[in-house]
Amino acid sequence: MSTIFIDLEDRVVTDSGNVVAKHSLLVKKALSGEVFTNLPAVPHPDITRYNHKTEKRPVDLWKDDSNFEGPPESSYDWTIPLEYKELDIEELAVNKMVEMGLTDETYIERLSFELEEMKKRDMIPFIRCLVYVIDRFREKGVVWGIGRGSSCASLIMFVLGINRVDPVKYDIPKEEFFK
């Protein structure tokens, strides 16, 4: 762990040579509306007291493209209602796609590809959990974004209403979701 080597008014220099912003500088910049990026903050006791993140080894799902190992069994401990745990994602996605009028061959091929990949990678329990969360959002009137990251590359996420980006319409490669 680094220690403070030089203490300036709004920044410090650590013994390892890193320049780190003090929280007062970050607050001042945030309140002024000034744009700032890449300014790591000095740890503050009021913040670190609530930061209980533990260092865990990330789960390596795909050591290489040919050897899929799958998620650990503990990741299946979803606390969702039984109706969602037993939800047929394939049937639901096909029905929603038909309701939306997305019956063009391009959509059908993409949906088939994604369903096969999700089954192969054992992602269906996760998708069920997402459907449950989004249904609760709708029920409670919670607003969520139109889509984030690679989820925008998934037709299944679009037809299930998890995001609002049609990847076929916007020509987003299907492989982007499975990176």
Protein backbone atom coordinates (compact mmCIF):
# COMPACT_ATOMS: atom_id res chain seq x y z
CA MET A 1 0.00 0.00 0.00
CA SER A 2 1.27 3.45 -0.93
CA THR A 3 1.82 6.18 1.61
CA ILE A 4 1.60 9.92 1.06
CA PHE A 5 4.98 11.33 0.10
CA ILE A 6 4.05 14.96 -0.79
CA ASP A 7 0.84 16.58 0.46
CA LEU A 8 -0.35 19.40 -1.80
CA GLU A 9 -3.49 21.55 -1.49
CA ASP A 10 -5.75 19.44 -3.69
CA ARG A 11 -3.54 16.47 -4.61
CA VAL A 12 -1.01 14.18 -3.02
CA VAL A 13 1.96 12.32 -4.45
CA THR A 14 2.43 8.83 -3.10
CA ASP A 15 5.75 7.16 -2.40
CA SER A 16 5.24 5.15 -5.60
CA GLY A 17 5.02 8.41 -7.60
CA ASN A 18 1.27 8.41 -8.29
CA VAL A 19 -0.53 11.75 -8.24
CA VAL A 20 -3.88 11.30 -6.53
CA ALA A 21 -6.70 13.83 -6.16
CA LYS A 22 -8.11 14.68 -2.75
CA HIS A 23 -11.86 14.34 -2.31
CA SER A 24 -12.17 18.10 -1.84
CA LEU A 25 -10.87 18.62 -5.41
CA LEU A 26 -13.27 16.03 -6.82
CA VAL A 27 -16.23 17.57 -5.02
CA LYS A 28 -15.22 21.07 -6.17
CA LYS A 29 -14.95 19.92 -9.78
CA ALA A 30 -18.23 18.01 -9.62
CA LEU A 31 -20.13 20.98 -8.15
CA SER A 32 -18.67 23.38 -10.72
CA GLY A 33 -19.78 21.12 -13.58
CA GLU A 34 -16.21 20.94 -14.82
CA VAL A 35 -15.36 17.81 -16.76
CA PHE A 36 -12.73 15.63 -15.16
CA THR A 37 -11.56 12.11 -15.85
CA ASN A 38 -8.83 9.77 -14.71
CA LEU A 39 -8.41 11.35 -11.30
CA PRO A 40 -8.05 8.58 -8.74
CA ALA A 41 -9.13 9.72 -5.28
CA VAL A 42 -7.32 9.44 -2.01
CA PRO A 43 -9.11 6.85 0.14
CA HIS A 44 -11.42 8.56 2.59
CA PRO A 45 -12.45 6.89 5.87
CA ASP A 46 -16.14 7.78 5.39
CA ILE A 47 -16.11 6.05 2.02
CA THR A 48 -13.88 3.08 2.74
CA ARG A 49 -16.01 2.26 5.79
CA TYR A 50 -18.87 1.36 3.40
CA ASN A 51 -16.75 -0.32 0.76
CA HIS A 52 -16.87 -4.00 1.69
CA LYS A 53 -15.83 -5.38 -1.68
CA THR A 54 -13.87 -8.56 -1.20
CA GLU A 55 -11.19 -9.77 -3.52
CA LYS A 56 -12.53 -12.90 -5.21
CA ARG A 57 -11.02 -14.76 -8.09
CA PRO A 58 -13.18 -14.13 -11.16
CA VAL A 59 -14.88 -17.17 -12.60
CA ASP A 60 -13.17 -18.17 -15.84
CA LEU A 61 -16.11 -19.42 -17.89
CA TRP A 62 -14.28 -19.89 -21.17
CA LYS A 63 -10.62 -20.80 -20.94
CA ASP A 64 -10.63 -21.01 -24.72
CA ASP A 65 -13.30 -21.04 -27.41
CA SER A 66 -13.34 -24.82 -27.74
CA ASN A 67 -13.56 -25.73 -24.06
CA PHE A 68 -16.61 -24.31 -22.32
CA GLU A 69 -16.69 -25.15 -18.63
CA GLY A 70 -19.84 -23.35 -17.54
CA PRO A 71 -20.59 -21.29 -14.45
CA PRO A 72 -20.12 -22.73 -10.96
CA GLU A 73 -23.15 -24.49 -9.47
CA SER A 74 -23.47 -21.78 -6.79
CA SER A 75 -24.40 -19.28 -9.50
CA TYR A 76 -27.71 -21.12 -9.99
CA ASP A 77 -28.99 -20.11 -6.58
CA TRP A 78 -31.49 -17.60 -8.02
CA THR A 79 -34.05 -16.40 -5.51
CA ILE A 80 -36.86 -15.91 -8.00
CA PRO A 81 -40.41 -17.29 -8.01
CA LEU A 82 -40.88 -20.83 -9.29
CA GLU A 83 -42.87 -19.63 -12.32
CA TYR A 84 -39.75 -17.78 -13.52
CA LYS A 85 -37.38 -20.64 -12.69
CA GLU A 86 -39.46 -22.86 -14.97
CA LEU A 87 -40.04 -20.22 -17.67
CA ASP A 88 -39.53 -21.52 -21.23
CA ILE A 89 -37.33 -18.75 -22.62
CA GLU A 90 -37.36 -20.19 -26.14
CA GLU A 91 -41.16 -20.26 -26.35
CA LEU A 92 -41.45 -16.82 -24.77
CA ALA A 93 -38.91 -15.30 -27.16
CA VAL A 94 -40.57 -16.82 -30.24
CA ASN A 95 -44.03 -15.64 -29.12
CA LYS A 96 -42.78 -12.11 -28.41
CA MET A 97 -41.01 -11.98 -31.76
CA VAL A 98 -44.22 -12.94 -33.57
CA GLU A 99 -46.20 -10.35 -31.53
CA MET A 100 -43.68 -7.71 -32.61
CA GLY A 101 -44.01 -8.75 -36.26
CA LEU A 102 -40.35 -9.78 -36.50
CA THR A 103 -40.88 -12.84 -38.68
CA ASP A 104 -38.32 -12.06 -41.40
CA GLU A 105 -35.79 -14.86 -42.05
CA THR A 106 -32.97 -12.69 -40.66
CA TYR A 107 -34.71 -12.47 -37.28
CA ILE A 108 -35.52 -16.19 -37.19
CA GLU A 109 -31.93 -17.19 -37.98
CA ARG A 110 -30.52 -14.81 -35.39
CA LEU A 111 -32.93 -15.98 -32.69
CA SER A 112 -32.03 -19.62 -33.42
CA PHE A 113 -28.31 -18.82 -33.24
CA GLU A 114 -28.66 -16.96 -29.93
CA LEU A 115 -30.83 -19.65 -28.34
CA GLU A 116 -28.33 -22.35 -29.28
CA GLU A 117 -25.42 -20.31 -27.92
CA MET A 118 -27.27 -19.52 -24.69
CA LYS A 119 -28.13 -23.18 -24.17
CA LYS A 120 -24.55 -24.24 -24.95
CA ARG A 121 -23.22 -21.69 -22.45
CA ASP A 122 -25.94 -22.51 -19.91
CA MET A 123 -27.18 -18.90 -19.78
CA ILE A 124 -30.92 -19.66 -19.66
CA PRO A 125 -31.16 -19.45 -15.81
CA PHE A 126 -29.58 -15.99 -15.98
CA ILE A 127 -32.02 -14.85 -18.69
CA ARG A 128 -34.93 -16.08 -16.56
CA CYS A 129 -33.64 -13.98 -13.67
CA LEU A 130 -33.39 -10.92 -15.94
CA VAL A 131 -36.97 -11.42 -17.14
CA TYR A 132 -38.09 -11.55 -13.50
CA VAL A 133 -36.16 -8.37 -12.59
CA ILE A 134 -37.52 -6.43 -15.59
CA ASP A 135 -41.07 -7.62 -14.82
CA ARG A 136 -40.66 -6.28 -11.27
CA PHE A 137 -39.32 -2.99 -12.67
CA ARG A 138 -42.42 -2.65 -14.85
CA GLU A 139 -44.70 -3.56 -11.95
CA LYS A 140 -43.11 -0.95 -9.67
CA GLY A 141 -42.77 1.76 -12.33
CA VAL A 142 -38.97 1.72 -12.27
CA VAL A 143 -37.30 3.25 -15.31
CA TRP A 144 -34.23 1.55 -16.79
CA GLY A 145 -32.05 2.40 -19.76
CA ILE A 146 -32.52 1.42 -23.38
CA GLY A 147 -29.59 -1.00 -23.23
CA ARG A 148 -26.05 -1.26 -22.03
CA GLY A 149 -22.91 -2.82 -23.38
CA SER A 150 -23.04 -6.10 -25.22
CA SER A 151 -26.67 -6.74 -24.23
CA CYS A 152 -27.61 -4.45 -27.14
CA ALA A 153 -26.26 -7.11 -29.51
CA SER A 154 -28.81 -9.68 -28.33
CA LEU A 155 -32.08 -10.16 -30.17
CA ILE A 156 -33.39 -12.26 -27.28
CA MET A 157 -32.78 -9.41 -24.84
CA PHE A 158 -34.65 -7.09 -27.23
CA VAL A 159 -37.70 -9.29 -27.80
CA LEU A 160 -37.97 -10.09 -24.09
CA GLY A 161 -37.96 -6.35 -23.31
CA ILE A 162 -34.75 -6.44 -21.28
CA ASN A 163 -33.30 -3.77 -23.55
CA ARG A 164 -34.83 -1.61 -26.26
CA VAL A 165 -32.25 -1.93 -29.03
CA ASP A 166 -33.09 -4.01 -32.11
CA PRO A 167 -29.68 -5.45 -33.08
CA VAL A 168 -30.88 -6.54 -36.52
CA LYS A 169 -32.22 -3.09 -37.39
CA TYR A 170 -28.96 -1.45 -36.29
CA ASP A 171 -26.76 -4.20 -37.79
CA ILE A 172 -25.01 -5.10 -34.51
CA PRO A 173 -23.03 -8.34 -34.98
CA LYS A 174 -24.53 -11.23 -33.00
CA GLU A 175 -21.07 -12.29 -31.84
CA GLU A 176 -20.73 -9.08 -29.80
CA PHE A 177 -23.10 -10.45 -27.15
CA PHE A 178 -21.08 -13.64 -26.65
CA LYS A 179 -17.61 -12.08 -26.34
